[in-house]
Amino acid sequence: AKAVGAADQADPPLTLSVASSKLRYNDSKGTKLAVAWKIKPAVGITK
């Protein structure tokens, strides 16, 4: 999550199957994370 969300990147990677609760890093660590909710057929799993 931190690798993807780090600020000021020209060519950041993506995550796969990373906990959605890492969105909290945007407040606590200044990351720029967003979920690609509309990915087909599903963006991932819910546990």
All heavy atoms as atom14 arrays in JSON, in Angstrom:
{
  "sequence": "AKAVGAADQADPPLTLSVASSKLRYNDSKGTKLAVAWKIKPAVGITK",
  "atom14_mask": [
    [1, 1, 1, 1, 1, 0, 0, 0, 0, 0, 0, 0, 0, 0],
    [1, 1, 1, 1, 1, 1, 1, 1, 1, 0, 0, 0, 0, 0],
    [1, 1, 1, 1, 1, 0, 0, 0, 0, 0, 0, 0, 0, 0],
    [1, 1, 1, 1, 1, 1, 1, 0, 0, 0, 0, 0, 0, 0],
    [1, 1, 1, 1, 0, 0, 0, 0, 0, 0, 0, 0, 0, 0],
    [1, 1, 1, 1, 1, 0, 0, 0, 0, 0, 0, 0, 0, 0],
    [1, 1, 1, 1, 1, 0, 0, 0, 0, 0, 0, 0, 0, 0],
    [1, 1, 1, 1, 1, 1, 1, 1, 0, 0, 0, 0, 0, 0],
    [1, 1, 1, 1, 1, 1, 1, 1, 1, 0, 0, 0, 0, 0],
    [1, 1, 1, 1, 1, 0, 0, 0, 0, 0, 0, 0, 0, 0],
    [1, 1, 1, 1, 1, 1, 1, 1, 0, 0, 0, 0, 0, 0],
    [1, 1, 1, 1, 1, 1, 1, 0, 0, 0, 0, 0, 0, 0],
    [1, 1, 1, 1, 1, 1, 1, 0, 0, 0, 0, 0, 0, 0],
    [1, 1, 1, 1, 1, 1, 1, 1, 0, 0, 0, 0, 0, 0],
    [1, 1, 1, 1, 1, 1, 1, 0, 0, 0, 0, 0, 0, 0],
    [1, 1, 1, 1, 1, 1, 1, 1, 0, 0, 0, 0, 0, 0],
    [1, 1, 1, 1, 1, 1, 0, 0, 0, 0, 0, 0, 0, 0],
    [1, 1, 1, 1, 1, 1, 1, 0, 0, 0, 0, 0, 0, 0],
    [1, 1, 1, 1, 1, 0, 0, 0, 0, 0, 0, 0, 0, 0],
    [1, 1, 1, 1, 1, 1, 0, 0, 0, 0, 0, 0, 0, 0],
    [1, 1, 1, 1, 1, 1, 0, 0, 0, 0, 0, 0, 0, 0],
    [1, 1, 1, 1, 1, 1, 1, 1, 1, 0, 0, 0, 0, 0],
    [1, 1, 1, 1, 1, 1, 1, 1, 0, 0, 0, 0, 0, 0],
    [1, 1, 1, 1, 1, 1, 1, 1, 1, 1, 1, 0, 0, 0],
    [1, 1, 1, 1, 1, 1, 1, 1, 1, 1, 1, 1, 0, 0],
    [1, 1, 1, 1, 1, 1, 1, 1, 0, 0, 0, 0, 0, 0],
    [1, 1, 1, 1, 1, 1, 1, 1, 0, 0, 0, 0, 0, 0],
    [1, 1, 1, 1, 1, 1, 0, 0, 0, 0, 0, 0, 0, 0],
    [1, 1, 1, 1, 1, 1, 1, 1, 1, 0, 0, 0, 0, 0],
    [1, 1, 1, 1, 0, 0, 0, 0, 0, 0, 0, 0, 0, 0],
    [1, 1, 1, 1, 1, 1, 1, 0, 0, 0, 0, 0, 0, 0],
    [1, 1, 1, 1, 1, 1, 1, 1, 1, 0, 0, 0, 0, 0],
    [1, 1, 1, 1, 1, 1, 1, 1, 0, 0, 0, 0, 0, 0],
    [1, 1, 1, 1, 1, 0, 0, 0, 0, 0, 0, 0, 0, 0],
    [1, 1, 1, 1, 1, 1, 1, 0, 0, 0, 0, 0, 0, 0],
    [1, 1, 1, 1, 1, 0, 0, 0, 0, 0, 0, 0, 0, 0],
    [1, 1, 1, 1, 1, 1, 1, 1, 1, 1, 1, 1, 1, 1],
    [1, 1, 1, 1, 1, 1, 1, 1, 1, 0, 0, 0, 0, 0],
    [1, 1, 1, 1, 1, 1, 1, 1, 0, 0, 0, 0, 0, 0],
    [1, 1, 1, 1, 1, 1, 1, 1, 1, 0, 0, 0, 0, 0],
    [1, 1, 1, 1, 1, 1, 1, 0, 0, 0, 0, 0, 0, 0],
    [1, 1, 1, 1, 1, 0, 0, 0, 0, 0, 0, 0, 0, 0],
    [1, 1, 1, 1, 1, 1, 1, 0, 0, 0, 0, 0, 0, 0],
    [1, 1, 1, 1, 0, 0, 0, 0, 0, 0, 0, 0, 0, 0],
    [1, 1, 1, 1, 1, 1, 1, 1, 0, 0, 0, 0, 0, 0],
    [1, 1, 1, 1, 1, 1, 1, 0, 0, 0, 0, 0, 0, 0],
    [1, 1, 1, 1, 1, 1, 1, 1, 1, 0, 0, 0, 0, 0]
  ],
  "atom14_positions": [
    [[0.83, -1.21, 0.0], [0.0, 0.0, 0.0], [0.86, 1.26, 0.0], [0.57, 2.23, -0.72], [-0.93, -0.01, 1.21], [0.0, 0.0, 0.0], [0.0, 0.0, 0.0], [0.0, 0.0, 0.0], [0.0, 0.0, 0.0], [0.0, 0.0, 0.0], [0.0, 0.0, 0.0], [0.0, 0.0, 0.0], [0.0, 0.0, 0.0], [0.0, 0.0, 0.0]],
    [[1.92, 1.27, 0.78], [2.78, 2.46, 0.84], [3.56, 2.65, -0.46], [3.78, 3.8, -0.88], [3.73, 2.35, 2.04], [3.02, 2.6, 3.37], [3.96, 2.54, 4.56], [4.28, 1.13, 4.97], [5.02, 1.07, 6.26], [0.0, 0.0, 0.0], [0.0, 0.0, 0.0], [0.0, 0.0, 0.0], [0.0, 0.0, 0.0], [0.0, 0.0, 0.0]],
    [[3.93, 1.56, -1.1], [4.64, 1.67, -2.38], [3.74, 2.28, -3.45], [4.17, 3.11, -4.25], [5.13, 0.3, -2.83], [0.0, 0.0, 0.0], [0.0, 0.0, 0.0], [0.0, 0.0, 0.0], [0.0, 0.0, 0.0], [0.0, 0.0, 0.0], [0.0, 0.0, 0.0], [0.0, 0.0, 0.0], [0.0, 0.0, 0.0], [0.0, 0.0, 0.0]],
    [[2.49, 1.89, -3.45], [1.54, 2.41, -4.44], [1.13, 3.84, -4.12], [1.02, 4.69, -5.0], [0.3, 1.49, -4.53], [-0.8, 2.14, -5.36], [0.68, 0.15, -5.11], [0.0, 0.0, 0.0], [0.0, 0.0, 0.0], [0.0, 0.0, 0.0], [0.0, 0.0, 0.0], [0.0, 0.0, 0.0], [0.0, 0.0, 0.0], [0.0, 0.0, 0.0]],
    [[0.9, 4.11, -2.85], [0.31, 5.38, -2.45], [1.26, 6.51, -2.18], [0.82, 7.63, -1.92], [0.0, 0.0, 0.0], [0.0, 0.0, 0.0], [0.0, 0.0, 0.0], [0.0, 0.0, 0.0], [0.0, 0.0, 0.0], [0.0, 0.0, 0.0], [0.0, 0.0, 0.0], [0.0, 0.0, 0.0], [0.0, 0.0, 0.0], [0.0, 0.0, 0.0]],
    [[2.57, 6.25, -2.23], [3.54, 7.31, -1.93], [3.31, 8.51, -2.85], [3.02, 8.38, -4.04], [4.97, 6.78, -2.08], [0.0, 0.0, 0.0], [0.0, 0.0, 0.0], [0.0, 0.0, 0.0], [0.0, 0.0, 0.0], [0.0, 0.0, 0.0], [0.0, 0.0, 0.0], [0.0, 0.0, 0.0], [0.0, 0.0, 0.0], [0.0, 0.0, 0.0]],
    [[3.46, 9.71, -2.29], [3.18, 10.93, -3.03], [4.25, 11.22, -4.08], [5.4, 10.74, -3.99], [3.08, 12.1, -2.06], [0.0, 0.0, 0.0], [0.0, 0.0, 0.0], [0.0, 0.0, 0.0], [0.0, 0.0, 0.0], [0.0, 0.0, 0.0], [0.0, 0.0, 0.0], [0.0, 0.0, 0.0], [0.0, 0.0, 0.0], [0.0, 0.0, 0.0]],
    [[3.85, 11.99, -5.08], [4.76, 12.54, -6.1], [5.5, 11.46, -6.87], [6.72, 11.52, -7.06], [5.78, 13.49, -5.43], [5.09, 14.62, -4.68], [4.09, 15.14, -5.19], [5.56, 14.99, -3.58], [0.0, 0.0, 0.0], [0.0, 0.0, 0.0], [0.0, 0.0, 0.0], [0.0, 0.0, 0.0], [0.0, 0.0, 0.0], [0.0, 0.0, 0.0]],
    [[4.75, 10.47, -7.34], [5.32, 9.43, -8.19], [4.9, 9.65, -9.64], [3.73, 9.94, -9.92], [4.85, 8.05, -7.76], [5.29, 7.59, -6.39], [4.97, 6.13, -6.17], [5.61, 5.22, -6.71], [3.95, 5.87, -5.35], [0.0, 0.0, 0.0], [0.0, 0.0, 0.0], [0.0, 0.0, 0.0], [0.0, 0.0, 0.0], [0.0, 0.0, 0.0]],
    [[5.83, 9.47, -10.56], [5.51, 9.59, -11.98], [4.91, 8.3, -12.52], [4.07, 8.33, -13.43], [6.77, 9.95, -12.77], [0.0, 0.0, 0.0], [0.0, 0.0, 0.0], [0.0, 0.0, 0.0], [0.0, 0.0, 0.0], [0.0, 0.0, 0.0], [0.0, 0.0, 0.0], [0.0, 0.0, 0.0], [0.0, 0.0, 0.0], [0.0, 0.0, 0.0]],
    [[5.31, 7.17, -11.95], [4.89, 5.88, -12.52], [4.67, 4.87, -11.39], [5.4, 3.88, -11.29], [5.97, 5.38, -13.49], [5.52, 4.19, -14.3], [4.29, 4.01, -14.46], [6.39, 3.42, -14.77], [0.0, 0.0, 0.0], [0.0, 0.0, 0.0], [0.0, 0.0, 0.0], [0.0, 0.0, 0.0], [0.0, 0.0, 0.0], [0.0, 0.0, 0.0]],
    [[3.68, 5.09, -10.55], [3.48, 4.21, -9.39], [2.94, 2.85, -9.8], [2.28, 2.72, -10.85], [2.46, 4.97, -8.54], [1.68, 5.76, -9.53], [2.67, 6.16, -10.59], [0.0, 0.0, 0.0], [0.0, 0.0, 0.0], [0.0, 0.0, 0.0], [0.0, 0.0, 0.0], [0.0, 0.0, 0.0], [0.0, 0.0, 0.0], [0.0, 0.0, 0.0]],
    [[3.18, 1.83, -8.98], [2.62, 0.5, -9.22], [1.17, 0.43, -8.79], [0.57, 1.44, -8.38], [3.5, -0.41, -8.38], [3.93, 0.46, -7.23], [4.06, 1.84, -7.8], [0.0, 0.0, 0.0], [0.0, 0.0, 0.0], [0.0, 0.0, 0.0], [0.0, 0.0, 0.0], [0.0, 0.0, 0.0], [0.0, 0.0, 0.0], [0.0, 0.0, 0.0]],
    [[0.6, -0.76, -8.88], [-0.74, -1.06, -8.38], [-0.62, -2.13, -7.31], [0.38, -2.84, -7.24], [-1.64, -1.59, -9.5], [-1.88, -0.71, -10.72], [-2.63, -1.49, -11.79], [-2.66, 0.54, -10.33], [0.0, 0.0, 0.0], [0.0, 0.0, 0.0], [0.0, 0.0, 0.0], [0.0, 0.0, 0.0], [0.0, 0.0, 0.0], [0.0, 0.0, 0.0]],
    [[-1.67, -2.25, -6.49], [-1.73, -3.4, -5.59], [-2.74, -4.4, -6.13], [-3.58, -4.09, -6.97], [-2.18, -3.03, -4.16], [-3.58, -2.7, -4.17], [-1.37, -1.9, -3.59], [0.0, 0.0, 0.0], [0.0, 0.0, 0.0], [0.0, 0.0, 0.0], [0.0, 0.0, 0.0], [0.0, 0.0, 0.0], [0.0, 0.0, 0.0], [0.0, 0.0, 0.0]],
    [[-2.65, -5.6, -5.61], [-3.66, -6.63, -5.84], [-3.94, -7.29, -4.5], [-3.0, -7.65, -3.77], [-3.16, -7.66, -6.84], [-4.11, -8.83, -7.17], [-5.4, -8.33, -7.79], [-3.43, -9.85, -8.09], [0.0, 0.0, 0.0], [0.0, 0.0, 0.0], [0.0, 0.0, 0.0], [0.0, 0.0, 0.0], [0.0, 0.0, 0.0], [0.0, 0.0, 0.0]],
    [[-5.22, -7.42, -4.13], [-5.63, -8.11, -2.91], [-4.95, -7.54, -1.66], [-4.4, -8.27, -0.85], [-5.35, -9.62, -3.03], [-6.05, -10.34, -2.04], [0.0, 0.0, 0.0], [0.0, 0.0, 0.0], [0.0, 0.0, 0.0], [0.0, 0.0, 0.0], [0.0, 0.0, 0.0], [0.0, 0.0, 0.0], [0.0, 0.0, 0.0], [0.0, 0.0, 0.0]],
    [[-5.01, -6.23, -1.53], [-4.52, -5.54, -0.33], [-5.72, -5.01, 0.45], [-6.71, -4.55, -0.13], [-3.55, -4.4, -0.7], [-3.34, -3.45, 0.47], [-2.21, -4.99, -1.15], [0.0, 0.0, 0.0], [0.0, 0.0, 0.0], [0.0, 0.0, 0.0], [0.0, 0.0, 0.0], [0.0, 0.0, 0.0], [0.0, 0.0, 0.0], [0.0, 0.0, 0.0]],
    [[-5.66, -5.08, 1.77], [-6.79, -4.73, 2.63], [-7.28, -3.31, 2.38], [-6.5, -2.35, 2.41], [-6.4, -4.89, 4.09], [0.0, 0.0, 0.0], [0.0, 0.0, 0.0], [0.0, 0.0, 0.0], [0.0, 0.0, 0.0], [0.0, 0.0, 0.0], [0.0, 0.0, 0.0], [0.0, 0.0, 0.0], [0.0, 0.0, 0.0], [0.0, 0.0, 0.0]],
    [[-8.58, -3.18, 2.14], [-9.17, -1.88, 1.86], [-9.0, -0.91, 3.03], [-9.03, 0.31, 2.83], [-10.66, -2.04, 1.53], [-11.34, -2.77, 2.54], [0.0, 0.0, 0.0], [0.0, 0.0, 0.0], [0.0, 0.0, 0.0], [0.0, 0.0, 0.0], [0.0, 0.0, 0.0], [0.0, 0.0, 0.0], [0.0, 0.0, 0.0], [0.0, 0.0, 0.0]],
    [[-8.82, -1.43, 4.23], [-8.64, -0.55, 5.39], [-7.33, 0.23, 5.34], [-7.13, 1.16, 6.13], [-8.71, -1.36, 6.69], [-7.68, -2.34, 6.73], [0.0, 0.0, 0.0], [0.0, 0.0, 0.0], [0.0, 0.0, 0.0], [0.0, 0.0, 0.0], [0.0, 0.0, 0.0], [0.0, 0.0, 0.0], [0.0, 0.0, 0.0], [0.0, 0.0, 0.0]],
    [[-6.44, -0.11, 4.4], [-5.22, 0.69, 4.24], [-5.54, 2.09, 3.72], [-4.64, 2.94, 3.68], [-4.25, -0.02, 3.3], [-3.75, -1.37, 3.81], [-3.1, -1.28, 5.18], [-2.63, -2.65, 5.66], [-2.12, -2.62, 7.04], [0.0, 0.0, 0.0], [0.0, 0.0, 0.0], [0.0, 0.0, 0.0], [0.0, 0.0, 0.0], [0.0, 0.0, 0.0]],
    [[-6.77, 2.34, 3.34], [-7.18, 3.71, 3.02], [-6.89, 4.66, 4.16], [-6.71, 5.87, 3.94], [-8.67, 3.75, 2.68], [-9.1, 3.33, 1.27], [-10.62, 3.23, 1.19], [-8.58, 4.3, 0.22], [0.0, 0.0, 0.0], [0.0, 0.0, 0.0], [0.0, 0.0, 0.0], [0.0, 0.0, 0.0], [0.0, 0.0, 0.0], [0.0, 0.0, 0.0]],
    [[-6.83, 4.15, 5.37], [-6.54, 5.01, 6.53], [-5.15, 5.63, 6.43], [-4.87, 6.64, 7.1], [-6.7, 4.23, 7.83], [-5.65, 3.16, 8.1], [-6.01, 2.37, 9.35], [-4.97, 1.44, 9.78], [-4.82, 0.21, 9.3], [-5.65, -0.24, 8.36], [-3.85, -0.58, 9.75], [0.0, 0.0, 0.0], [0.0, 0.0, 0.0], [0.0, 0.0, 0.0]],
    [[-4.26, 5.04, 5.63], [-2.92, 5.6, 5.45], [-2.97, 6.99, 4.82], [-2.02, 7.77, 4.98], [-2.07, 4.68, 4.56], [-1.54, 3.43, 5.23], [-1.84, 3.12, 6.54], [-0.73, 2.54, 4.53], [-1.35, 1.98, 7.15], [-0.23, 1.4, 5.11], [-0.55, 1.12, 6.42], [-0.04, -0.03, 7.01], [0.0, 0.0, 0.0], [0.0, 0.0, 0.0]],
    [[-4.04, 7.3, 4.08], [-4.13, 8.63, 3.48], [-4.12, 9.71, 4.56], [-3.55, 10.79, 4.36], [-5.39, 8.74, 2.62], [-5.3, 7.92, 1.35], [-4.25, 7.43, 0.98], [-6.43, 7.76, 0.67], [0.0, 0.0, 0.0], [0.0, 0.0, 0.0], [0.0, 0.0, 0.0], [0.0, 0.0, 0.0], [0.0, 0.0, 0.0], [0.0, 0.0, 0.0]],
    [[-4.73, 9.42, 5.69], [-4.73, 10.37, 6.8], [-3.48, 10.24, 7.67], [-2.88, 11.24, 8.06], [-5.97, 10.18, 7.67], [-7.24, 10.62, 6.96], [-7.18, 11.52, 6.11], [-8.31, 10.04, 7.25], [0.0, 0.0, 0.0], [0.0, 0.0, 0.0], [0.0, 0.0, 0.0], [0.0, 0.0, 0.0], [0.0, 0.0, 0.0], [0.0, 0.0, 0.0]],
    [[-3.1, 8.99, 7.96], [-2.02, 8.79, 8.93], [-0.62, 8.88, 8.32], [0.33, 9.23, 9.01], [-2.18, 7.43, 9.61], [-2.04, 6.36, 8.68], [0.0, 0.0, 0.0], [0.0, 0.0, 0.0], [0.0, 0.0, 0.0], [0.0, 0.0, 0.0], [0.0, 0.0, 0.0], [0.0, 0.0, 0.0], [0.0, 0.0, 0.0], [0.0, 0.0, 0.0]],
    [[-0.5, 8.58, 7.02], [0.83, 8.54, 6.4], [0.94, 9.41, 5.15], [1.99, 9.43, 4.51], [1.21, 7.09, 6.04], [1.21, 6.14, 7.25], [1.61, 4.73, 6.87], [1.47, 3.77, 8.04], [2.33, 4.13, 9.18], [0.0, 0.0, 0.0], [0.0, 0.0, 0.0], [0.0, 0.0, 0.0], [0.0, 0.0, 0.0], [0.0, 0.0, 0.0]],
    [[-0.13, 10.09, 4.79], [-0.08, 10.98, 3.64], [-0.07, 10.29, 2.3], [0.33, 10.9, 1.29], [0.0, 0.0, 0.0], [0.0, 0.0, 0.0], [0.0, 0.0, 0.0], [0.0, 0.0, 0.0], [0.0, 0.0, 0.0], [0.0, 0.0, 0.0], [0.0, 0.0, 0.0], [0.0, 0.0, 0.0], [0.0, 0.0, 0.0], [0.0, 0.0, 0.0]],
    [[-0.51, 9.05, 2.24], [-0.53, 8.34, 0.96], [-1.67, 8.86, 0.09], [-2.55, 9.6, 0.54], [-0.68, 6.83, 1.16], [-1.88, 6.57, 1.91], [0.51, 6.24, 1.89], [0.0, 0.0, 0.0], [0.0, 0.0, 0.0], [0.0, 0.0, 0.0], [0.0, 0.0, 0.0], [0.0, 0.0, 0.0], [0.0, 0.0, 0.0], [0.0, 0.0, 0.0]],
    [[-1.66, 8.43, -1.16], [-2.65, 8.86, -2.16], [-3.36, 7.63, -2.73], [-3.41, 7.4, -3.92], [-1.96, 9.64, -3.29], [-1.02, 10.74, -2.82], [-1.73, 11.83, -2.02], [-0.77, 12.91, -1.55], [-1.45, 13.95, -0.74], [0.0, 0.0, 0.0], [0.0, 0.0, 0.0], [0.0, 0.0, 0.0], [0.0, 0.0, 0.0], [0.0, 0.0, 0.0]],
    [[-3.95, 6.84, -1.84], [-4.55, 5.58, -2.23], [-6.02, 5.75, -2.6], [-6.78, 6.44, -1.93], [-4.46, 4.57, -1.08], [-3.06, 4.06, -0.72], [-3.1, 3.31, 0.61], [-2.52, 3.15, -1.82], [0.0, 0.0, 0.0], [0.0, 0.0, 0.0], [0.0, 0.0, 0.0], [0.0, 0.0, 0.0], [0.0, 0.0, 0.0], [0.0, 0.0, 0.0]],
    [[-6.41, 5.08, -3.68], [-7.82, 5.0, -4.07], [-8.08, 3.58, -4.54], [-7.19, 2.91, -5.07], [-8.14, 6.01, -5.18], [0.0, 0.0, 0.0], [0.0, 0.0, 0.0], [0.0, 0.0, 0.0], [0.0, 0.0, 0.0], [0.0, 0.0, 0.0], [0.0, 0.0, 0.0], [0.0, 0.0, 0.0], [0.0, 0.0, 0.0], [0.0, 0.0, 0.0]],
    [[-9.32, 3.12, -4.36], [-9.71, 1.77, -4.75], [-10.32, 1.81, -6.15], [-11.18, 2.65, -6.43], [-10.73, 1.18, -3.77], [-11.13, -0.23, -4.2], [-10.16, 1.16, -2.35], [0.0, 0.0, 0.0], [0.0, 0.0, 0.0], [0.0, 0.0, 0.0], [0.0, 0.0, 0.0], [0.0, 0.0, 0.0], [0.0, 0.0, 0.0], [0.0, 0.0, 0.0]],
    [[-9.89, 0.91, -7.0], [-10.45, 0.79, -8.35], [-11.71, -0.06, -8.28], [-11.77, -1.17, -8.8], [-9.41, 0.18, -9.3], [0.0, 0.0, 0.0], [0.0, 0.0, 0.0], [0.0, 0.0, 0.0], [0.0, 0.0, 0.0], [0.0, 0.0, 0.0], [0.0, 0.0, 0.0], [0.0, 0.0, 0.0], [0.0, 0.0, 0.0], [0.0, 0.0, 0.0]],
    [[-12.76, 0.5, -7.66], [-13.95, -0.28, -7.34], [-14.61, -0.91, -8.56], [-15.2, -1.98, -8.46], [-14.98, 0.6, -6.62], [-14.69, 0.9, -5.19], [-14.42, 2.12, -4.65], [-14.65, -0.03, -4.1], [-14.2, 2.01, -3.3], [-14.34, 0.7, -2.93], [-14.83, -1.4, -4.0], [-14.22, 0.1, -1.69], [-14.73, -2.01, -2.75], [-14.43, -1.26, -1.61]],
    [[-14.52, -0.28, -9.72], [-15.31, -0.73, -10.87], [-14.58, -1.74, -11.76], [-15.0, -2.01, -12.88], [-15.76, 0.48, -11.68], [-16.72, 1.37, -10.9], [-17.26, 2.52, -11.72], [-18.22, 3.38, -10.92], [-18.75, 4.53, -11.7], [0.0, 0.0, 0.0], [0.0, 0.0, 0.0], [0.0, 0.0, 0.0], [0.0, 0.0, 0.0], [0.0, 0.0, 0.0]],
    [[-13.5, -2.3, -11.26], [-12.79, -3.34, -12.0], [-13.71, -4.53, -12.24], [-14.47, -4.93, -11.36], [-11.52, -3.76, -11.24], [-10.38, -2.78, -11.51], [-11.1, -5.17, -11.59], [-9.08, -3.16, -10.88], [0.0, 0.0, 0.0], [0.0, 0.0, 0.0], [0.0, 0.0, 0.0], [0.0, 0.0, 0.0], [0.0, 0.0, 0.0], [0.0, 0.0, 0.0]],
    [[-13.62, -5.12, -13.43], [-14.39, -6.31, -13.78], [-13.5, -7.55, -13.75], [-12.33, -7.46, -14.09], [-15.0, -6.14, -15.19], [-15.96, -4.98, -15.32], [-17.17, -5.15, -14.43], [-18.16, -4.01, -14.62], [-19.35, -4.15, -13.74], [0.0, 0.0, 0.0], [0.0, 0.0, 0.0], [0.0, 0.0, 0.0], [0.0, 0.0, 0.0], [0.0, 0.0, 0.0]],
    [[-14.02, -8.71, -13.37], [-15.39, -8.93, -12.9], [-15.59, -8.54, -11.43], [-16.71, -8.45, -10.97], [-15.59, -10.43, -13.09], [-14.23, -11.01, -12.94], [-13.29, -9.99, -13.52], [0.0, 0.0, 0.0], [0.0, 0.0, 0.0], [0.0, 0.0, 0.0], [0.0, 0.0, 0.0], [0.0, 0.0, 0.0], [0.0, 0.0, 0.0], [0.0, 0.0, 0.0]],
    [[-14.5, -8.31, -10.7], [-14.58, -7.87, -9.3], [-13.24, -7.28, -8.92], [-12.18, -7.69, -9.43], [-14.92, -9.04, -8.37], [0.0, 0.0, 0.0], [0.0, 0.0, 0.0], [0.0, 0.0, 0.0], [0.0, 0.0, 0.0], [0.0, 0.0, 0.0], [0.0, 0.0, 0.0], [0.0, 0.0, 0.0], [0.0, 0.0, 0.0], [0.0, 0.0, 0.0]],
    [[-13.26, -6.32, -8.02], [-12.02, -5.67, -7.6], [-11.24, -6.54, -6.61], [-10.07, -6.3, -6.34], [-12.31, -4.28, -6.99], [-13.0, -4.42, -5.64], [-11.05, -3.44, -6.88], [0.0, 0.0, 0.0], [0.0, 0.0, 0.0], [0.0, 0.0, 0.0], [0.0, 0.0, 0.0], [0.0, 0.0, 0.0], [0.0, 0.0, 0.0], [0.0, 0.0, 0.0]],
    [[-11.88, -7.58, -6.1], [-11.22, -8.47, -5.15], [-12.26, -9.25, -4.36], [-13.36, -9.5, -4.85], [0.0, 0.0, 0.0], [0.0, 0.0, 0.0], [0.0, 0.0, 0.0], [0.0, 0.0, 0.0], [0.0, 0.0, 0.0], [0.0, 0.0, 0.0], [0.0, 0.0, 0.0], [0.0, 0.0, 0.0], [0.0, 0.0, 0.0], [0.0, 0.0, 0.0]],
    [[-11.91, -9.6, -3.15], [-12.8, -10.37, -2.28], [-13.17, -9.55, -1.05], [-12.49, -8.57, -0.72], [-12.15, -11.7, -1.83], [-10.85, -11.43, -1.05], [-11.91, -12.63, -3.01], [-10.24, -12.66, -0.4], [0.0, 0.0, 0.0], [0.0, 0.0, 0.0], [0.0, 0.0, 0.0], [0.0, 0.0, 0.0], [0.0, 0.0, 0.0], [0.0, 0.0, 0.0]],
    [[-14.24, -9.95, -0.4], [-14.58, -9.41, 0.91], [-14.46, -10.53, 1.94], [-14.99, -11.62, 1.73], [-15.99, -8.82, 0.93], [-16.0, -7.63, 0.12], [-16.41, -8.43, 2.35], [0.0, 0.0, 0.0], [0.0, 0.0, 0.0], [0.0, 0.0, 0.0], [0.0, 0.0, 0.0], [0.0, 0.0, 0.0], [0.0, 0.0, 0.0], [0.0, 0.0, 0.0]],
    [[-13.76, -10.24, 3.01], [-13.54, -11.22, 4.07], [-14.22, -10.76, 5.34], [-14.42, -9.56, 5.56], [-12.06, -11.45, 4.31], [-11.34, -10.27, 4.96], [-9.86, -10.53, 5.08], [-9.14, -9.39, 5.81], [-9.35, -9.41, 7.26], [0.0, 0.0, 0.0], [0.0, 0.0, 0.0], [0.0, 0.0, 0.0], [0.0, 0.0, 0.0], [0.0, 0.0, 0.0]]
  ]
}
